[in-house]
Amino acid sequence: MKRLGVVIVLLLAFCGIAVSAYISQSEAAGNPLICNIQSLSGCNVVVASAYSRVFGVSLADYGLLFYTVLFVVAAFELVLFNQLLRRIIQGLAIVSIIFSLYSVYTQAFLIQALCIYCLTSAVITVFILIFASVIEPLWKNSAPLLPIPTP
């Protein structure tokens, strides 16, 4: 089950790379994003907003870096089958879900426009978190820290 979970995280990271690369490439070339799906047509508004950059770097570039790091870590875990790498995947998943929640909040309440690509990335991070929690349990059934006296 651990192997399958890591493979799914690897595939989800690849999907995240594709989404982030599309946004980043479109932004760098100055091309508008293709998005006209009913109420989720605010991609260009979101990408052009003041919230789309941190320290002068596009959030899409940060996303591309994040998903690439996650992809590499997951690929190494498949080869090495290492608990530390699984924990790193879990840590990255937690960081990404916190950022995704903030991103969705920013889109919905501050920018008041929704980007289908950004929401797709947020959904990807939710699934990454789910599968990251499956690959390595946070707590293992082991002996209690304090011995329980028996009568």
Protein backbone atom coordinates (compact mmCIF):
# COMPACT_ATOMS: atom_id res chain seq x y z
CA MET A 1 0.00 0.00 0.00
CA LYS A 2 2.91 2.36 0.71
CA ARG A 3 4.30 1.88 -2.79
CA LEU A 4 0.95 2.57 -4.42
CA GLY A 5 0.50 5.71 -2.29
CA VAL A 6 3.91 7.02 -3.30
CA VAL A 7 3.23 6.27 -6.98
CA ILE A 8 -0.04 8.21 -6.75
CA VAL A 9 1.77 11.13 -5.04
CA LEU A 10 4.34 11.00 -7.85
CA LEU A 11 1.59 11.16 -10.49
CA LEU A 12 -0.21 13.98 -8.67
CA ALA A 13 3.06 15.92 -8.42
CA PHE A 14 3.49 15.50 -12.18
CA CYS A 15 -0.02 16.90 -12.71
CA GLY A 16 0.87 19.81 -10.43
CA ILE A 17 4.02 20.44 -12.46
CA ALA A 18 1.93 20.57 -15.64
CA VAL A 19 -0.60 23.03 -14.17
CA SER A 20 2.08 25.28 -12.66
CA ALA A 21 4.20 25.17 -15.81
CA TYR A 22 1.23 26.24 -17.95
CA ILE A 23 0.47 29.22 -15.71
CA SER A 24 4.15 30.15 -15.42
CA GLN A 25 4.78 29.88 -19.16
CA SER A 26 1.68 31.89 -20.04
CA GLU A 27 2.61 34.54 -17.51
CA ALA A 28 6.21 34.77 -18.76
CA ALA A 29 5.10 35.03 -22.40
CA GLY A 30 2.40 37.55 -21.56
CA ASN A 31 -0.30 35.30 -23.01
CA PRO A 32 -3.71 35.20 -21.35
CA LEU A 33 -4.70 31.91 -19.75
CA ILE A 34 -7.39 29.93 -21.51
CA CYS A 35 -10.20 29.67 -19.01
CA ASN A 36 -13.84 30.26 -19.62
CA ILE A 37 -15.60 27.67 -17.53
CA GLN A 38 -18.79 29.33 -16.28
CA SER A 39 -18.04 31.09 -12.97
CA LEU A 40 -14.40 30.03 -12.95
CA SER A 41 -13.24 32.44 -15.63
CA GLY A 42 -11.15 34.70 -13.40
CA CYS A 43 -7.79 33.10 -14.14
CA ASN A 44 -6.27 36.17 -15.72
CA VAL A 45 -7.63 38.42 -12.96
CA VAL A 46 -6.07 36.15 -10.31
CA VAL A 47 -2.72 35.84 -12.10
CA ALA A 48 -2.52 39.60 -12.65
CA SER A 49 -3.48 40.49 -9.06
CA ALA A 50 -1.13 41.92 -6.47
CA TYR A 51 -1.46 38.62 -4.58
CA SER A 52 0.09 36.59 -7.41
CA ARG A 53 3.68 37.45 -6.50
CA VAL A 54 5.75 37.00 -3.37
CA PHE A 55 9.16 38.70 -3.22
CA GLY A 56 8.75 39.49 -6.91
CA VAL A 57 8.40 35.82 -7.87
CA SER A 58 5.23 34.44 -9.40
CA LEU A 59 3.26 31.97 -7.27
CA ALA A 60 3.17 29.72 -10.34
CA ASP A 61 6.97 29.56 -10.20
CA TYR A 62 6.81 28.64 -6.53
CA GLY A 63 4.24 25.97 -7.41
CA LEU A 64 6.49 24.63 -10.14
CA LEU A 65 9.39 24.44 -7.69
CA PHE A 66 7.22 22.80 -5.00
CA TYR A 67 5.77 20.13 -7.29
CA THR A 68 9.20 19.41 -8.79
CA VAL A 69 10.74 18.92 -5.34
CA LEU A 70 7.82 16.70 -4.34
CA PHE A 71 8.19 14.69 -7.56
CA VAL A 72 11.93 14.17 -6.96
CA VAL A 73 11.43 13.18 -3.31
CA ALA A 74 8.67 10.72 -4.26
CA ALA A 75 10.84 9.26 -7.04
CA PHE A 76 13.72 8.77 -4.58
CA GLU A 77 11.34 7.16 -2.09
CA LEU A 78 10.27 4.64 -4.72
CA VAL A 79 13.91 3.69 -5.26
CA LEU A 80 15.13 3.82 -1.65
CA PHE A 81 11.94 2.96 0.27
CA ASN A 82 12.93 5.27 3.11
CA GLN A 83 10.82 6.39 6.07
CA LEU A 84 12.51 9.81 6.22
CA LEU A 85 11.55 10.48 2.60
CA ARG A 86 7.95 9.50 3.37
CA ARG A 87 7.98 11.95 6.28
CA ILE A 88 9.34 14.67 3.98
CA ILE A 89 6.47 13.95 1.57
CA GLN A 90 4.03 14.32 4.46
CA GLY A 91 5.64 17.60 5.57
CA LEU A 92 5.47 18.98 2.04
CA ALA A 93 1.84 17.91 1.82
CA ILE A 94 0.97 19.76 5.02
CA VAL A 95 2.73 22.92 3.87
CA SER A 96 1.01 22.74 0.49
CA ILE A 97 -2.47 22.30 1.95
CA ILE A 98 -1.97 25.33 4.21
CA PHE A 99 -0.85 27.40 1.25
CA SER A 100 -3.72 26.09 -0.91
CA LEU A 101 -6.28 27.04 1.74
CA TYR A 102 -4.83 30.54 1.88
CA SER A 103 -4.81 30.73 -1.93
CA VAL A 104 -8.47 29.73 -2.21
CA TYR A 105 -9.39 32.19 0.54
CA THR A 106 -7.48 34.96 -1.27
CA GLN A 107 -9.21 34.20 -4.56
CA ALA A 108 -12.68 33.97 -3.11
CA PHE A 109 -12.65 36.85 -0.63
CA LEU A 110 -9.85 39.27 -1.51
CA ILE A 111 -9.61 39.08 -5.30
CA GLN A 112 -13.20 37.91 -5.73
CA ALA A 113 -12.32 35.85 -8.80
CA LEU A 114 -11.66 32.14 -9.12
CA CYS A 115 -9.00 30.52 -11.27
CA ILE A 116 -9.69 26.98 -12.44
CA TYR A 117 -5.97 26.19 -12.62
CA CYS A 118 -5.36 27.44 -9.09
CA LEU A 119 -8.33 25.46 -7.81
CA THR A 120 -7.08 22.39 -9.69
CA SER A 121 -3.74 22.79 -7.93
CA ALA A 122 -5.55 23.05 -4.58
CA VAL A 123 -7.47 19.83 -5.30
CA ILE A 124 -4.20 18.13 -6.27
CA THR A 125 -2.72 19.14 -2.91
CA VAL A 126 -5.72 17.72 -1.06
CA PHE A 127 -5.19 14.36 -2.77
CA ILE A 128 -1.45 14.55 -2.11
CA LEU A 129 -2.20 15.07 1.59
CA ILE A 130 -4.60 12.12 1.61
CA PHE A 131 -2.13 9.76 -0.02
CA ALA A 132 0.80 11.11 2.01
CA SER A 133 -1.08 10.23 5.19
CA VAL A 134 -1.62 6.70 3.87
CA ILE A 135 2.02 5.98 3.03
CA GLU A 136 3.31 6.36 6.57
CA PRO A 137 1.16 6.40 9.71
CA LEU A 138 1.88 9.31 12.01
CA TRP A 139 1.65 7.12 15.08
CA LYS A 140 2.53 3.47 15.20
CA ASN A 141 1.03 1.03 17.63
CA SER A 142 3.86 0.59 20.05
CA ALA A 143 4.45 0.27 23.75
CA PRO A 144 3.07 3.15 25.80
CA LEU A 145 5.53 5.80 26.92
CA LEU A 146 4.72 5.15 30.57
CA PRO A 147 4.29 1.61 31.76
CA ILE A 148 0.81 0.82 32.95
CA PRO A 149 0.92 -0.96 36.30
CA THR A 150 -0.99 -4.23 36.48
CA PRO A 151 -2.74 -5.16 39.71
